[in-house]
Amino acid sequence: MYPIAQILHSQGYHITGSDNNETDTLRAVREMGIEVFLGQRAENIGDADLIVYTAAVLDDNPELVAARASGAEVVERADMLGLITRLFDSAVCVTGTHGKTTATSMLTQIFLEAEKDISCVIGGKLPAIGGSGRFGKSDILVCEACEFKDHFLKLSPNTSVILNVDADHLDYFGTLENVIASFRRFAEMTTGALVVNGDDENTMKAVDGLDKELVTFGFGSGNDYYAEILGTSGVTTSFELREPSGEVIACEINVPGAHNVLNALAATAAARQYGVGFDKITEGLKKFGGAVRRFQRLGTVRGITVIDDYAHHPAEIAMTLRAAKTLGINRLWAVFQPFTYSRTEILMDDFVKALSIADKVVLTDIMGSREKNTHGIYTEQLGEKIEGAVWFDAPHEVVDRQTAEQKEFNFGQVTDYIAAHAEEGDMVITMGCGDVYKAAKMLIEKLK
């Protein structure tokens, strides 16, 4: 919701909003001069002409109920984003099960380095633009396109980037085959080039046989753009990029892991579609230091490094933890906040395998978000399957209430335990797409 608010605010629209939780984003929105109410109540909608809500809001939310009864136009966030994409001649839509925010941020950084006054909608905050959205004067929009509940099918993509296709949101899609079919529909909607991961089997299934311009990237030499990793130093990864003409370009990114090299290749291939020179591409990639909550280093206290990351799917968790293991640390701590009961239940065994890469695993309660716990799923069912994992029991009826006080109490127990047991040279990574970043900040204060 934040980038949409940024873009519309920059165009002079009068905006108000509400949320149920104090966050850094909420403070940033208030600093823009936008009135934000804490707590969702019928009277918050006032005399609004248009009301935009997120899919994270349940149908019985009193503010949403009042909005639908008000006579005002009411649209879901994805519909609003679709309208925004139609304002531009060139909407570059970046999708995939993993890596969307990082690849979108890299591409935005490259365009800015090339002095193309683009607009963008990013699923995380990019320091270079002071937020996650901006409105420029060119006809190019860089937009993160989320597959959740087929939301990306509401967009109007000119160039589409598909990073990977994996089994996720199975509470909606049901099967991996349905996920692939949805990505295919997205690809079919694209009016220009498809920039796709040629190494990813599911992605190639999704685009197989389409009458579209296909540009591939990956590590395999059969791709149009492919890379060879030369080495790593701390979080910096050096690689050689070979482009379609055969030219070899030396590149460097300051985020760790082979998965981020793939993100850089995707951004490069997309930027080349718009005539950006390799000098600007390499400089943009070098300047990119990561988006907020994407392997974000929050500090080192008493020799213990604290990282925060958005990883919430087993494949993302595994990539993040493997990348961290290459950094010459002592022990790796994974602090994980499971997100939604359905995902935790459906992918339980995959979470066990991914989290077991870490040396120490500490779990918070599940963040239900848009779901109610009709599944009877709790953190201990995950923790019991991971050797040596630690979690803190609370009565299920307390956990189910998902109150801010309950979560702060839970985070307090988690961070007290880590502060008492972590040692110099250890790395602690908080992971999840909820508010587990608060635990990371609490940990830093406790270590101090």
Protein backbone atom coordinates (compact mmCIF):
# COMPACT_ATOMS: atom_id res chain seq x y z
CA MET A 1 0.00 0.00 0.00
CA TYR A 2 2.90 2.36 0.76
CA PRO A 3 4.15 2.92 -2.84
CA ILE A 4 0.59 3.51 -4.05
CA ALA A 5 0.17 6.14 -1.34
CA GLN A 6 3.52 7.72 -2.33
CA ILE A 7 2.60 7.92 -6.01
CA LEU A 8 -0.93 9.26 -5.53
CA HIS A 9 0.23 11.74 -2.88
CA SER A 10 2.90 13.04 -5.28
CA GLN A 11 0.13 13.72 -7.82
CA GLY A 12 -1.83 15.89 -5.40
CA TYR A 13 -4.56 13.49 -4.31
CA HIS A 14 -5.89 13.95 -0.77
CA ILE A 15 -5.29 10.68 1.05
CA THR A 16 -6.10 9.27 4.48
CA GLY A 17 -5.52 5.73 5.71
CA SER A 18 -5.61 3.31 8.58
CA ASP A 19 -3.64 0.39 9.95
CA ASN A 20 -3.83 -1.84 13.01
CA ASN A 21 -0.16 -1.80 13.97
CA GLU A 22 2.46 0.90 14.50
CA THR A 23 5.31 0.40 12.01
CA ASP A 24 8.20 2.30 10.46
CA THR A 25 6.14 2.53 7.26
CA LEU A 26 3.25 4.13 9.14
CA ARG A 27 5.58 6.78 10.55
CA ALA A 28 6.96 7.46 7.06
CA VAL A 29 3.43 7.92 5.68
CA ARG A 30 2.57 10.36 8.46
CA GLU A 31 5.75 12.32 7.72
CA MET A 32 4.42 12.81 4.17
CA GLY A 33 1.51 14.72 5.70
CA ILE A 34 -1.01 11.88 5.28
CA GLU A 35 -3.43 11.36 8.15
CA VAL A 36 -3.37 7.76 9.37
CA PHE A 37 -5.76 6.31 11.95
CA LEU A 38 -4.62 3.49 14.22
CA GLY A 39 -7.29 0.83 14.33
CA GLN A 40 -9.92 0.12 11.68
CA ARG A 41 -13.32 1.67 12.35
CA ALA A 42 -16.31 2.58 10.18
CA GLU A 43 -15.91 6.32 10.75
CA ASN A 44 -12.36 6.33 9.33
CA ILE A 45 -13.58 6.36 5.72
CA GLY A 46 -15.14 9.81 6.06
CA ASP A 47 -16.37 11.15 2.72
CA ALA A 48 -13.75 9.42 0.55
CA ASP A 49 -14.49 9.11 -3.17
CA LEU A 50 -12.32 6.02 -3.60
CA ILE A 51 -11.36 3.43 -1.00
CA VAL A 52 -8.46 1.03 -1.61
CA TYR A 53 -7.98 -1.99 0.64
CA THR A 54 -5.35 -4.72 0.86
CA ALA A 55 -6.09 -8.44 0.55
CA ALA A 56 -4.67 -8.80 4.07
CA VAL A 57 -7.94 -7.27 5.36
CA LEU A 58 -10.66 -9.81 6.13
CA ASP A 59 -14.20 -9.38 4.76
CA ASP A 60 -15.66 -8.76 8.23
CA ASN A 61 -13.29 -5.85 8.92
CA PRO A 62 -15.60 -3.03 10.14
CA GLU A 63 -13.93 -0.38 7.99
CA LEU A 64 -14.21 -2.51 4.84
CA VAL A 65 -17.85 -3.34 5.64
CA ALA A 66 -18.58 0.39 6.02
CA ALA A 67 -16.69 1.19 2.82
CA ARG A 68 -18.76 -1.24 0.78
CA ALA A 69 -21.97 0.20 2.23
CA SER A 70 -20.92 3.81 1.68
CA GLY A 71 -21.61 4.14 -2.04
CA ALA A 72 -17.98 5.10 -2.73
CA GLU A 73 -15.88 3.21 -5.26
CA VAL A 74 -14.10 0.36 -3.42
CA VAL A 75 -11.18 -1.50 -5.04
CA GLU A 76 -8.57 -3.98 -3.90
CA ARG A 77 -4.92 -2.91 -4.01
CA ALA A 78 -4.19 -5.05 -7.10
CA ASP A 79 -6.99 -3.29 -9.01
CA MET A 80 -5.51 0.10 -8.11
CA LEU A 81 -2.07 -1.06 -9.20
CA GLY A 82 -3.57 -2.25 -12.49
CA LEU A 83 -5.00 1.25 -13.07
CA ILE A 84 -1.58 2.77 -12.39
CA THR A 85 0.14 0.46 -14.90
CA ARG A 86 -2.25 1.70 -17.59
CA LEU A 87 -0.98 5.26 -17.15
CA PHE A 88 2.31 4.25 -18.81
CA ASP A 89 3.30 3.20 -22.32
CA SER A 90 5.98 0.86 -20.91
CA ALA A 91 5.10 -1.07 -17.75
CA VAL A 92 7.97 -3.38 -16.83
CA CYS A 93 6.37 -5.96 -14.51
CA VAL A 94 8.69 -8.15 -12.44
CA THR A 95 7.20 -11.38 -11.10
CA GLY A 96 8.29 -14.74 -9.71
CA THR A 97 7.79 -16.73 -6.54
CA HIS A 98 11.06 -15.40 -5.08
CA GLY A 99 13.25 -12.35 -5.61
CA LYS A 100 10.68 -9.87 -6.93
CA THR A 101 11.58 -7.01 -4.61
CA THR A 102 15.33 -7.37 -5.08
CA ALA A 103 15.16 -7.63 -8.88
CA THR A 104 12.69 -4.72 -9.09
CA SER A 105 14.96 -2.64 -6.85
CA MET A 106 18.05 -3.50 -8.92
CA LEU A 107 16.26 -2.53 -12.13
CA THR A 108 15.07 0.73 -10.57
CA GLN A 109 18.62 1.53 -9.45
CA ILE A 110 19.94 0.85 -12.97
CA PHE A 111 17.32 3.11 -14.60
CA LEU A 112 18.10 5.89 -12.12
CA GLU A 113 21.82 5.52 -12.86
CA ALA A 114 20.95 5.88 -16.56
CA GLU A 115 19.03 9.09 -15.70
CA LYS A 116 15.73 7.71 -16.94
CA ASP A 117 13.09 9.47 -14.88
CA ILE A 118 11.03 6.35 -14.23
CA SER A 119 8.14 5.62 -11.93
CA CYS A 120 8.23 2.52 -9.75
CA VAL A 121 6.20 0.39 -7.36
CA ILE A 122 8.41 -1.86 -5.21
CA GLY A 123 7.38 -4.34 -2.52
CA GLY A 124 10.08 -3.05 -0.18
CA LYS A 125 11.88 0.18 0.57
CA LEU A 126 14.80 1.20 -1.65
CA PRO A 127 17.19 3.71 -0.03
CA ALA A 128 17.94 5.36 -3.42
CA ILE A 129 14.34 6.63 -3.68
CA GLY A 130 13.62 7.06 0.03
CA GLY A 131 10.71 4.64 -0.02
CA SER A 132 9.07 2.09 -2.28
CA GLY A 133 7.34 4.26 -4.88
CA ARG A 134 8.05 7.27 -7.05
CA PHE A 135 6.34 9.06 -9.94
CA GLY A 136 8.63 10.21 -12.75
CA LYS A 137 8.17 12.05 -16.02
CA SER A 138 9.08 9.25 -18.43
CA ASP A 139 6.68 6.68 -19.90
CA ILE A 140 8.40 3.80 -18.03
CA LEU A 141 6.98 2.17 -14.89
CA VAL A 142 8.92 -0.56 -13.05
CA CYS A 143 6.41 -2.57 -11.09
CA GLU A 144 6.57 -5.59 -8.80
CA ALA A 145 3.89 -8.04 -9.90
CA CYS A 146 2.65 -10.45 -7.22
CA GLU A 147 1.05 -13.75 -8.14
CA PHE A 148 -0.93 -14.01 -4.88
CA LYS A 149 -4.57 -14.80 -5.76
CA ASP A 150 -3.75 -13.99 -9.42
CA HIS A 151 -3.28 -10.31 -8.58
CA PHE A 152 -0.72 -9.88 -11.37
CA LEU A 153 -3.43 -10.72 -13.92
CA LYS A 154 -4.94 -7.28 -13.18
CA LEU A 155 -1.83 -5.48 -14.50
CA SER A 156 -1.04 -4.37 -18.05
CA PRO A 157 2.55 -5.50 -18.67
CA ASN A 158 4.56 -4.36 -21.68
CA THR A 159 7.78 -6.12 -20.67
CA SER A 160 7.49 -8.99 -18.20
CA VAL A 161 10.29 -10.47 -16.11
CA ILE A 162 9.70 -13.97 -14.69
CA LEU A 163 12.36 -14.88 -12.12
CA ASN A 164 11.14 -18.36 -11.12
CA VAL A 165 7.95 -20.35 -10.55
CA ASP A 166 7.57 -22.43 -7.40
CA ALA A 167 4.85 -24.00 -5.26
CA ASP A 168 3.44 -21.23 -3.06
CA HIS A 169 0.03 -19.83 -2.09
CA LEU A 170 -1.30 -23.38 -2.45
CA ASP A 171 -4.25 -22.43 -0.23
CA TYR A 172 -5.43 -20.57 -3.34
CA PHE A 173 -3.78 -22.36 -6.29
CA GLY A 174 -4.08 -25.89 -4.94
CA THR A 175 -1.31 -27.39 -7.07
CA LEU A 176 1.99 -26.39 -8.66
CA GLU A 177 0.42 -27.02 -12.07
CA ASN A 178 -2.15 -24.32 -11.34
CA VAL A 179 0.63 -21.93 -10.33
CA ILE A 180 2.40 -22.57 -13.65
CA ALA A 181 -0.87 -22.04 -15.54
CA SER A 182 -1.37 -18.69 -13.82
CA PHE A 183 2.13 -17.52 -14.79
CA ARG A 184 1.36 -18.59 -18.35
CA ARG A 185 -1.74 -16.38 -18.39
CA PHE A 186 0.40 -13.50 -17.12
CA ALA A 187 2.96 -14.13 -19.89
CA GLU A 188 0.18 -14.23 -22.50
CA MET A 189 -0.97 -10.76 -21.41
CA THR A 190 2.47 -9.27 -22.07
CA THR A 191 2.54 -7.07 -25.17
CA GLY A 192 6.33 -6.91 -25.54
CA ALA A 193 9.29 -9.05 -24.51
CA LEU A 194 9.32 -11.83 -21.93
CA VAL A 195 12.54 -11.82 -19.89
CA VAL A 196 12.67 -15.24 -18.21
CA ASN A 197 14.90 -17.53 -16.17
CA GLY A 198 16.02 -20.07 -18.76
CA ASP A 199 17.42 -22.35 -16.03
CA ASP A 200 14.08 -22.67 -14.22
CA GLU A 201 12.06 -25.62 -15.50
CA ASN A 202 8.69 -24.35 -14.26
CA THR A 203 9.25 -20.92 -15.81
CA MET A 204 10.07 -22.44 -19.17
CA LYS A 205 6.93 -24.61 -18.94
CA ALA A 206 4.91 -21.45 -18.35
CA VAL A 207 6.17 -19.74 -21.52
CA ASP A 208 6.57 -22.79 -23.75
CA GLY A 209 5.16 -22.26 -27.24
CA LEU A 210 4.09 -18.64 -26.72
CA ASP A 211 4.38 -16.36 -29.73
CA LYS A 212 6.37 -13.72 -27.84
CA GLU A 213 9.88 -12.28 -27.94
CA LEU A 214 11.74 -14.44 -25.40
CA VAL A 215 14.92 -13.23 -23.66
CA THR A 216 16.52 -15.74 -21.30
CA PHE A 217 18.98 -15.38 -18.42
CA GLY A 218 20.67 -17.83 -16.08
CA PHE A 219 23.92 -19.66 -15.42
CA GLY A 220 23.58 -22.04 -18.37
CA SER A 221 25.49 -21.04 -21.50
CA GLY A 222 22.39 -21.56 -23.63
CA ASN A 223 20.80 -18.41 -22.16
CA ASP A 224 20.92 -15.02 -23.90
CA TYR A 225 22.47 -13.51 -20.76
CA TYR A 226 24.49 -15.83 -18.56
CA ALA A 227 26.98 -15.43 -15.75
CA GLU A 228 29.96 -17.11 -14.16
CA ILE A 229 30.62 -16.28 -10.53
CA LEU A 230 34.30 -15.38 -10.03
CA GLY A 231 34.40 -15.03 -6.27
CA THR A 232 32.97 -13.53 -3.10
CA SER A 233 34.39 -11.20 -0.46
CA GLY A 234 32.07 -10.59 2.46
CA VAL A 235 28.71 -9.69 0.93
CA THR A 236 30.29 -8.68 -2.41
CA THR A 237 29.96 -11.11 -5.32
CA SER A 238 32.00 -10.69 -8.51
CA PHE A 239 30.89 -12.30 -11.75
CA GLU A 240 31.32 -12.16 -15.51
CA LEU A 241 28.24 -11.54 -17.61
CA ARG A 242 28.10 -12.69 -21.22
CA GLU A 243 25.52 -10.88 -23.33
CA PRO A 244 23.93 -11.96 -26.64
CA SER A 245 26.65 -10.43 -28.85
CA GLY A 246 29.26 -12.47 -26.99
CA GLU A 247 30.78 -9.53 -25.14
CA VAL A 248 31.92 -10.32 -21.59
CA ILE A 249 31.25 -7.68 -18.93
CA ALA A 250 32.76 -7.65 -15.43
CA CYS A 251 30.09 -7.07 -12.76
CA GLU A 252 29.92 -6.74 -9.00
CA ILE A 253 27.00 -6.73 -6.59
CA ASN A 254 27.07 -5.97 -2.89
CA VAL A 255 24.51 -8.54 -1.83
CA PRO A 256 25.45 -12.19 -1.23
CA GLY A 257 24.35 -15.39 -2.91
CA ALA A 258 24.01 -16.92 -6.38
CA HIS A 259 20.30 -16.10 -6.32
CA ASN A 260 21.18 -12.40 -6.30
CA VAL A 261 23.41 -12.88 -9.35
CA LEU A 262 20.30 -14.25 -11.10
CA ASN A 263 18.35 -11.18 -9.97
CA ALA A 264 21.12 -8.98 -11.40
CA LEU A 265 20.97 -10.86 -14.71
CA ALA A 266 17.20 -10.38 -14.87
CA ALA A 267 17.55 -6.64 -14.20
CA THR A 268 20.31 -6.38 -16.80
CA ALA A 269 18.30 -8.14 -19.51
CA ALA A 270 15.25 -5.95 -18.80
CA ALA A 271 17.30 -2.73 -18.81
CA ARG A 272 18.85 -3.66 -22.16
CA GLN A 273 15.34 -3.83 -23.63
CA TYR A 274 15.21 -0.08 -23.02
CA GLY A 275 18.63 0.71 -24.43
CA VAL A 276 20.52 1.15 -21.16
CA GLY A 277 24.30 0.85 -21.72
CA PHE A 278 26.40 -1.67 -19.84
CA ASP A 279 28.40 1.11 -18.19
CA LYS A 280 25.22 2.33 -16.47
CA ILE A 281 24.11 -1.22 -15.70
CA THR A 282 27.35 -2.21 -13.99
CA GLU A 283 27.46 1.06 -12.04
CA GLY A 284 23.83 0.68 -10.96
CA LEU A 285 24.39 -2.89 -9.80
CA LYS A 286 27.51 -1.84 -7.88
CA LYS A 287 25.62 0.94 -6.09
CA PHE A 288 22.74 -1.34 -5.16
CA GLY A 289 23.26 -2.29 -1.52
CA GLY A 290 20.03 -4.18 -1.05
CA ALA A 291 16.43 -3.24 -0.38
CA VAL A 292 15.17 -2.84 3.16
CA ARG A 293 14.46 -6.25 4.73
CA ARG A 294 16.43 -8.09 2.03
CA PHE A 295 19.51 -9.43 3.87
CA GLN A 296 19.65 -6.06 5.60
CA ARG A 297 22.52 -5.70 8.04
CA LEU A 298 21.18 -3.90 11.10
CA GLY A 299 24.38 -3.89 13.12
CA THR A 300 27.08 -5.80 14.97
CA VAL A 301 27.04 -5.67 18.76
CA ARG A 302 29.42 -7.61 21.03
CA GLY A 303 30.72 -9.32 17.90
CA ILE A 304 27.23 -10.64 17.01
CA THR A 305 25.91 -9.55 13.60
CA VAL A 306 22.15 -9.06 13.23
CA ILE A 307 20.58 -9.39 9.77
CA ASP A 308 16.92 -8.98 8.84
CA ASP A 309 15.41 -10.70 5.80
CA TYR A 310 11.95 -11.02 4.23
CA ALA A 311 12.34 -14.75 3.43
CA HIS A 312 9.11 -16.57 4.26
CA HIS A 313 8.98 -19.48 1.77
CA PRO A 314 11.20 -22.55 2.31
CA ALA A 315 13.12 -21.95 -0.95
CA GLU A 316 13.85 -18.34 0.07
CA ILE A 317 14.88 -19.38 3.58
CA ALA A 318 17.27 -22.00 2.18
CA MET A 319 18.86 -19.50 -0.25
CA THR A 320 19.27 -16.88 2.48
CA LEU A 321 20.81 -19.30 4.97
CA ARG A 322 23.17 -20.86 2.40
CA ALA A 323 24.34 -17.38 1.36
CA ALA A 324 24.98 -16.48 5.00
CA LYS A 325 27.03 -19.65 5.51
CA THR A 326 29.56 -18.42 2.92
CA LEU A 327 30.41 -15.29 4.94
CA GLY A 328 32.96 -16.81 7.33
CA ILE A 329 30.82 -16.62 10.46
CA ASN A 330 30.89 -18.71 13.63
CA ARG A 331 27.35 -20.03 14.17
CA LEU A 332 24.26 -19.11 12.15
CA TRP A 333 21.03 -18.42 14.02
CA ALA A 334 17.72 -18.52 12.14
CA VAL A 335 14.91 -16.65 13.91
CA PHE A 336 11.77 -17.43 11.94
CA GLN A 337 8.23 -16.04 12.16
CA PRO A 338 5.96 -18.38 10.16
CA PHE A 339 3.42 -16.45 8.07
CA THR A 340 -0.14 -17.79 7.64
CA TYR A 341 -1.41 -21.07 9.01
CA SER A 342 -2.12 -22.57 5.59
CA ARG A 343 1.44 -22.06 4.29
CA THR A 344 2.91 -23.44 7.53
CA GLU A 345 0.71 -26.53 7.29
CA ILE A 346 1.11 -27.22 3.56
CA LEU A 347 4.88 -26.64 3.43
CA MET A 348 5.75 -27.92 6.92
CA ASP A 349 8.33 -30.53 5.83
CA ASP A 350 9.98 -28.06 3.43
CA PHE A 351 10.30 -25.51 6.26
CA VAL A 352 11.97 -28.18 8.41
CA LYS A 353 14.59 -28.91 5.72
CA ALA A 354 15.30 -25.25 5.00
CA LEU A 355 15.58 -24.10 8.62
CA SER A 356 17.80 -27.06 9.49
CA ILE A 357 20.58 -25.42 7.41
CA ALA A 358 21.11 -23.04 10.35
CA ASP A 359 23.12 -24.03 13.41
CA LYS A 360 20.50 -22.64 15.80
CA VAL A 361 16.78 -22.23 15.14
CA VAL A 362 14.47 -20.03 17.22
CA LEU A 363 10.78 -19.78 16.28
CA THR A 364 8.16 -17.17 17.07
CA ASP A 365 4.42 -17.73 17.04
CA ILE A 366 2.76 -17.96 13.62
CA MET A 367 1.51 -14.64 12.21
CA GLY A 368 -1.96 -15.44 10.89
CA SER A 369 -2.39 -12.15 8.99
CA ARG A 370 -5.33 -12.57 6.61
CA GLU A 371 -6.23 -16.01 8.05
CA LYS A 372 -7.97 -17.31 11.15
CA ASN A 373 -6.53 -20.46 12.68
CA THR A 374 -9.10 -22.95 11.45
CA HIS A 375 -6.17 -25.28 10.71
CA GLY A 376 -5.17 -25.97 14.33
CA ILE A 377 -1.54 -25.22 13.40
CA TYR A 378 0.93 -23.85 15.96
CA THR A 379 4.64 -23.18 16.11
CA GLU A 380 5.40 -26.20 18.30
CA GLN A 381 4.31 -28.55 15.48
CA LEU A 382 7.09 -27.08 13.33
CA GLY A 383 9.62 -26.79 16.15
CA GLU A 384 9.25 -30.42 17.22
CA LYS A 385 10.46 -31.54 13.77
CA ILE A 386 13.68 -29.43 13.83
CA GLU A 387 16.51 -30.83 15.91
CA GLY A 388 17.49 -28.43 18.71
CA ALA A 389 14.89 -25.79 17.77
CA VAL A 390 13.67 -23.44 20.50
CA TRP A 391 10.25 -21.79 20.83
CA PHE A 392 8.20 -20.44 23.67
CA ASP A 393 4.82 -21.91 24.54
CA ALA A 394 1.79 -19.78 25.25
CA PRO A 395 -1.85 -20.90 25.60
CA HIS A 396 -3.31 -21.40 22.13
CA GLU A 397 -6.22 -19.05 22.79
CA VAL A 398 -3.69 -16.29 23.59
CA VAL A 399 -1.65 -16.99 20.45
CA ASP A 400 -4.78 -16.97 18.28
CA ARG A 401 -5.67 -13.44 19.41
CA GLN A 402 -2.61 -12.07 17.56
CA THR A 403 -2.53 -8.91 19.68
CA ALA A 404 0.38 -6.49 19.55
CA GLU A 405 1.00 -7.10 23.28
CA GLN A 406 1.13 -10.87 22.78
CA LYS A 407 3.62 -10.52 19.90
CA GLU A 408 5.86 -8.13 21.83
CA PHE A 409 5.87 -10.58 24.75
CA ASN A 410 6.76 -13.42 22.34
CA PHE A 411 9.54 -11.37 20.70
CA GLY A 412 10.83 -10.48 24.17
CA GLN A 413 11.23 -14.15 25.10
CA VAL A 414 12.90 -14.91 21.76
CA THR A 415 15.39 -12.05 22.01
CA ASP A 416 16.14 -12.68 25.70
CA TYR A 417 17.10 -16.25 24.80
CA ILE A 418 19.35 -15.25 21.91
CA ALA A 419 21.04 -12.43 23.84
CA ALA A 420 21.87 -14.91 26.59
CA HIS A 421 23.23 -17.65 24.29
CA ALA A 422 24.72 -16.03 21.17
CA GLU A 423 28.50 -15.74 21.03
CA GLU A 424 31.03 -13.47 19.37
CA GLY A 425 31.30 -14.26 15.65
CA ASP A 426 27.71 -15.51 15.42
CA MET A 427 25.22 -14.18 12.87
CA VAL A 428 21.52 -13.89 13.74
CA ILE A 429 19.02 -13.61 10.87
CA THR A 430 15.41 -12.73 11.57
CA MET A 431 13.22 -14.04 8.75
CA GLY A 432 9.60 -13.66 7.73
CA CYS A 433 7.29 -11.29 5.87
CA GLY A 434 5.43 -10.18 8.99
CA ASP A 435 6.81 -7.93 11.73
CA VAL A 436 9.70 -10.09 12.92
CA TYR A 437 12.03 -7.18 12.08
CA LYS A 438 10.88 -5.77 15.44
CA ALA A 439 12.58 -8.71 17.14
CA ALA A 440 15.82 -7.88 15.30
CA LYS A 441 15.73 -4.31 16.60
CA MET A 442 14.87 -5.51 20.11
CA LEU A 443 17.81 -7.92 19.97
CA ILE A 444 20.27 -5.17 19.07
CA GLU A 445 19.09 -3.10 22.04
CA LYS A 446 19.38 -6.08 24.40
CA LEU A 447 22.87 -6.91 23.16
CA LYS A 448 23.91 -3.30 23.78
